[in-house]
């Protein structure tokens, strides 16, 4: 069972992580690594159980582009807080592949990376670190309020002065008004 943080709420979910030796029933919810998924994508997407895709750093998610709308979500792996390739993968899914579904961060990210991942298109987080869970439950959100690149989609922001490439969060306005 995994704790998922999405839209300010916590839910518990159970997914089986598939590998080449995994034998599961057709109605089991599976999280499938990209390489295994591509071996027989039609079989994974035609099951009665839900299928989600796990993308590791260095994987070419573009190879699964025609199947993205048939997936429950796409999990983007952050194997280390120092490995930023997950941010690029999330942004590629949203901006280049026009993926509209749930992008879930999984792995060893830290709390400071949660708002940055949101800016790149991540919409849910599988919490594996107890300190991240504790901080999010306490309402901590370590947002940086000034940025040098625009955010994707639902995040509202405004240009910073006369520099259209510089951005600032609407949260920054509330702080300045206090």
Protein backbone atom coordinates (compact mmCIF):
# COMPACT_ATOMS: atom_id res chain seq x y z
CA UNK A 1 0.00 0.00 0.00
CA UNK A 2 1.34 3.42 -0.94
CA UNK A 3 0.37 6.86 0.30
CA UNK A 4 -0.48 9.22 -2.56
CA UNK A 5 -0.67 13.01 -2.22
CA UNK A 6 -2.92 14.64 -4.82
CA UNK A 7 -4.91 17.88 -4.80
CA UNK A 8 -4.06 18.53 -1.16
CA UNK A 9 -5.39 15.16 0.00
CA UNK A 10 -3.89 11.81 0.96
CA UNK A 11 -5.15 8.48 -0.37
CA UNK A 12 -3.91 4.92 -0.04
CA UNK A 13 -3.48 2.87 -3.21
CA UNK A 14 -2.26 -0.62 -4.00
CA UNK A 15 -0.54 -1.29 -7.32
CA UNK A 16 1.55 -4.32 -8.23
CA UNK A 17 4.89 -3.36 -9.79
CA UNK A 18 5.30 -5.68 -12.73
CA UNK A 19 8.53 -7.26 -13.89
CA UNK A 20 9.31 -10.06 -16.34
CA UNK A 21 8.55 -12.74 -13.71
CA UNK A 22 5.34 -11.19 -12.36
CA UNK A 23 2.31 -13.40 -12.81
CA UNK A 24 -0.87 -11.53 -12.01
CA UNK A 25 -4.54 -11.89 -12.74
CA UNK A 26 -6.13 -9.85 -15.51
CA UNK A 27 -7.94 -7.59 -13.04
CA UNK A 28 -4.85 -6.62 -10.99
CA UNK A 29 -3.80 -2.98 -11.16
CA UNK A 30 -0.27 -2.99 -12.62
CA UNK A 31 2.54 -0.43 -12.66
CA UNK A 32 4.62 -1.51 -15.65
CA UNK A 33 8.17 -0.35 -16.52
CA UNK A 34 8.36 1.22 -19.98
CA UNK A 35 10.64 -1.47 -21.48
CA UNK A 36 8.32 -4.29 -20.37
CA UNK A 37 5.23 -2.34 -21.50
CA UNK A 38 6.64 -1.85 -24.99
CA UNK A 39 7.21 -5.60 -25.39
CA UNK A 40 3.43 -6.12 -25.54
CA UNK A 41 1.63 -2.81 -25.07
CA UNK A 42 -1.66 -4.08 -26.53
CA UNK A 43 -1.84 -6.88 -23.96
CA UNK A 44 -1.25 -4.47 -21.08
CA UNK A 45 -3.82 -1.93 -22.29
CA UNK A 46 -6.53 -4.50 -23.05
CA UNK A 47 -6.59 -5.99 -19.52
CA UNK A 48 -9.59 -5.50 -17.22
CA UNK A 49 -7.34 -4.17 -14.45
CA UNK A 50 -5.83 -0.71 -14.68
CA UNK A 51 -2.38 -0.23 -16.17
CA UNK A 52 0.05 2.55 -15.33
CA UNK A 53 3.45 3.21 -16.88
CA UNK A 54 6.71 3.59 -14.93
CA UNK A 55 9.28 5.80 -16.66
CA UNK A 56 12.85 5.64 -15.37
CA UNK A 57 15.53 8.26 -16.07
CA UNK A 58 16.85 7.79 -19.58
CA UNK A 59 13.71 6.04 -20.84
CA UNK A 60 12.26 7.35 -24.10
CA UNK A 61 8.64 7.92 -23.09
CA UNK A 62 7.86 9.03 -26.66
CA UNK A 63 7.85 5.36 -27.66
CA UNK A 64 4.62 4.90 -25.67
CA UNK A 65 2.94 8.06 -27.00
CA UNK A 66 0.14 6.23 -28.82
CA UNK A 67 -0.88 4.42 -25.60
CA UNK A 68 -0.81 7.31 -23.13
CA UNK A 69 -4.57 7.95 -23.22
CA UNK A 70 -5.21 4.31 -22.21
CA UNK A 71 -3.16 4.47 -19.00
CA UNK A 72 -4.37 5.17 -15.46
CA UNK A 73 -1.32 7.36 -14.88
CA UNK A 74 2.33 7.74 -15.78
CA UNK A 75 4.77 7.36 -12.88
CA UNK A 76 8.00 9.31 -13.29
CA UNK A 77 10.88 7.93 -11.24
CA UNK A 78 13.14 10.16 -9.15
CA UNK A 79 15.82 7.64 -8.05
CA UNK A 80 17.72 10.34 -6.15
CA UNK A 81 16.97 13.89 -5.09
CA UNK A 82 20.06 14.87 -7.11
CA UNK A 83 18.73 13.35 -10.36
CA UNK A 84 16.62 15.97 -12.14
CA UNK A 85 15.72 13.97 -15.23
CA UNK A 86 12.24 13.29 -13.82
CA UNK A 87 11.44 17.01 -14.13
CA UNK A 88 12.32 16.89 -17.83
CA UNK A 89 10.27 13.74 -18.38
CA UNK A 90 7.20 15.30 -16.73
CA UNK A 91 7.57 18.44 -18.82
CA UNK A 92 7.99 16.36 -22.01
CA UNK A 93 4.81 14.43 -21.21
CA UNK A 94 2.79 17.63 -20.72
CA UNK A 95 4.25 19.94 -23.35
CA UNK A 96 5.48 17.72 -26.17
CA UNK A 97 3.23 14.67 -25.90
CA UNK A 98 0.19 16.64 -24.65
CA UNK A 99 -0.52 14.06 -21.96
CA UNK A 100 -3.57 15.19 -19.96
CA UNK A 101 -3.67 12.38 -17.37
CA UNK A 102 -2.08 12.02 -13.96
CA UNK A 103 1.71 12.23 -13.79
CA UNK A 104 2.91 10.74 -10.52
CA UNK A 105 6.33 11.34 -8.96
CA UNK A 106 7.76 8.20 -7.36
CA UNK A 107 11.07 7.61 -5.65
CA UNK A 108 13.51 9.57 -3.54
CA UNK A 109 12.59 13.21 -4.07
CA UNK A 110 12.65 15.66 -1.16
CA UNK A 111 10.01 18.12 0.05
CA UNK A 112 11.69 21.10 -1.62
CA UNK A 113 11.22 19.40 -5.01
CA UNK A 114 7.46 18.90 -4.68
CA UNK A 115 6.42 22.43 -5.79
CA UNK A 116 9.03 22.38 -8.56
CA UNK A 117 7.70 19.05 -9.83
CA UNK A 118 4.17 20.55 -9.81
CA UNK A 119 5.46 23.35 -12.05
CA UNK A 120 6.70 20.70 -14.51
CA UNK A 121 3.33 18.95 -14.72
CA UNK A 122 3.44 16.37 -11.91
CA UNK A 123 -0.05 16.08 -10.45
CA UNK A 124 0.37 13.43 -7.72
CA UNK A 125 3.13 12.13 -5.49
CA UNK A 126 3.78 8.66 -4.12
CA UNK A 127 5.23 9.36 -0.69
CA UNK A 128 8.11 7.07 0.25
CA UNK A 129 9.95 9.30 2.72
CA UNK A 130 8.38 9.72 6.18
CA UNK A 131 9.71 13.27 6.52
CA UNK A 132 7.96 14.32 3.29
CA UNK A 133 4.70 12.76 4.48
CA UNK A 134 4.97 14.48 7.85
CA UNK A 135 5.69 17.88 6.30
CA UNK A 136 2.84 17.67 3.77
CA UNK A 137 0.40 16.56 6.48
CA UNK A 138 1.52 19.60 8.50
CA UNK A 139 0.68 21.84 5.54
CA UNK A 140 4.25 22.74 4.63
CA UNK A 141 4.72 23.88 1.04
CA UNK A 142 8.24 25.26 0.45
CA UNK A 143 7.39 27.29 -2.62
CA UNK A 144 9.87 29.57 -4.28
CA UNK A 145 7.94 32.64 -5.39
CA UNK A 146 10.13 33.85 -8.25
CA UNK A 147 10.96 31.79 -11.35
CA UNK A 148 12.90 32.12 -14.60
CA UNK A 149 10.67 29.89 -16.72
CA UNK A 150 6.90 29.63 -17.07
CA UNK A 151 4.96 26.86 -15.40
CA UNK A 152 2.77 24.32 -17.08
CA UNK A 153 -1.00 24.56 -17.06
CA UNK A 154 -2.90 25.03 -13.83
CA UNK A 155 -0.31 27.07 -11.95
CA UNK A 156 -1.16 30.74 -12.04
CA UNK A 157 1.62 33.28 -12.15
CA UNK A 158 2.34 36.74 -13.44
CA UNK A 159 5.27 38.31 -15.29
CA UNK A 160 7.80 40.01 -13.05
CA UNK A 161 7.98 43.69 -14.00
CA UNK A 162 9.43 44.46 -17.42
CA UNK A 163 11.11 41.08 -17.79
CA UNK A 164 8.53 38.76 -19.43
CA UNK A 165 10.78 35.72 -18.98
CA UNK A 166 10.87 36.25 -15.20
CA UNK A 167 7.80 35.03 -13.31
CA UNK A 168 6.42 35.28 -9.83
CA UNK A 169 3.78 33.36 -7.98
CA UNK A 170 0.46 34.87 -6.97
CA UNK A 171 1.40 33.72 -3.45
CA UNK A 172 4.16 36.34 -3.57
CA UNK A 173 1.49 39.06 -3.85
CA UNK A 174 -0.26 37.87 -0.68
CA UNK A 175 3.01 37.92 1.25
CA UNK A 176 3.82 41.42 0.02
CA UNK A 177 0.36 42.68 1.02
CA UNK A 178 0.72 41.52 4.63
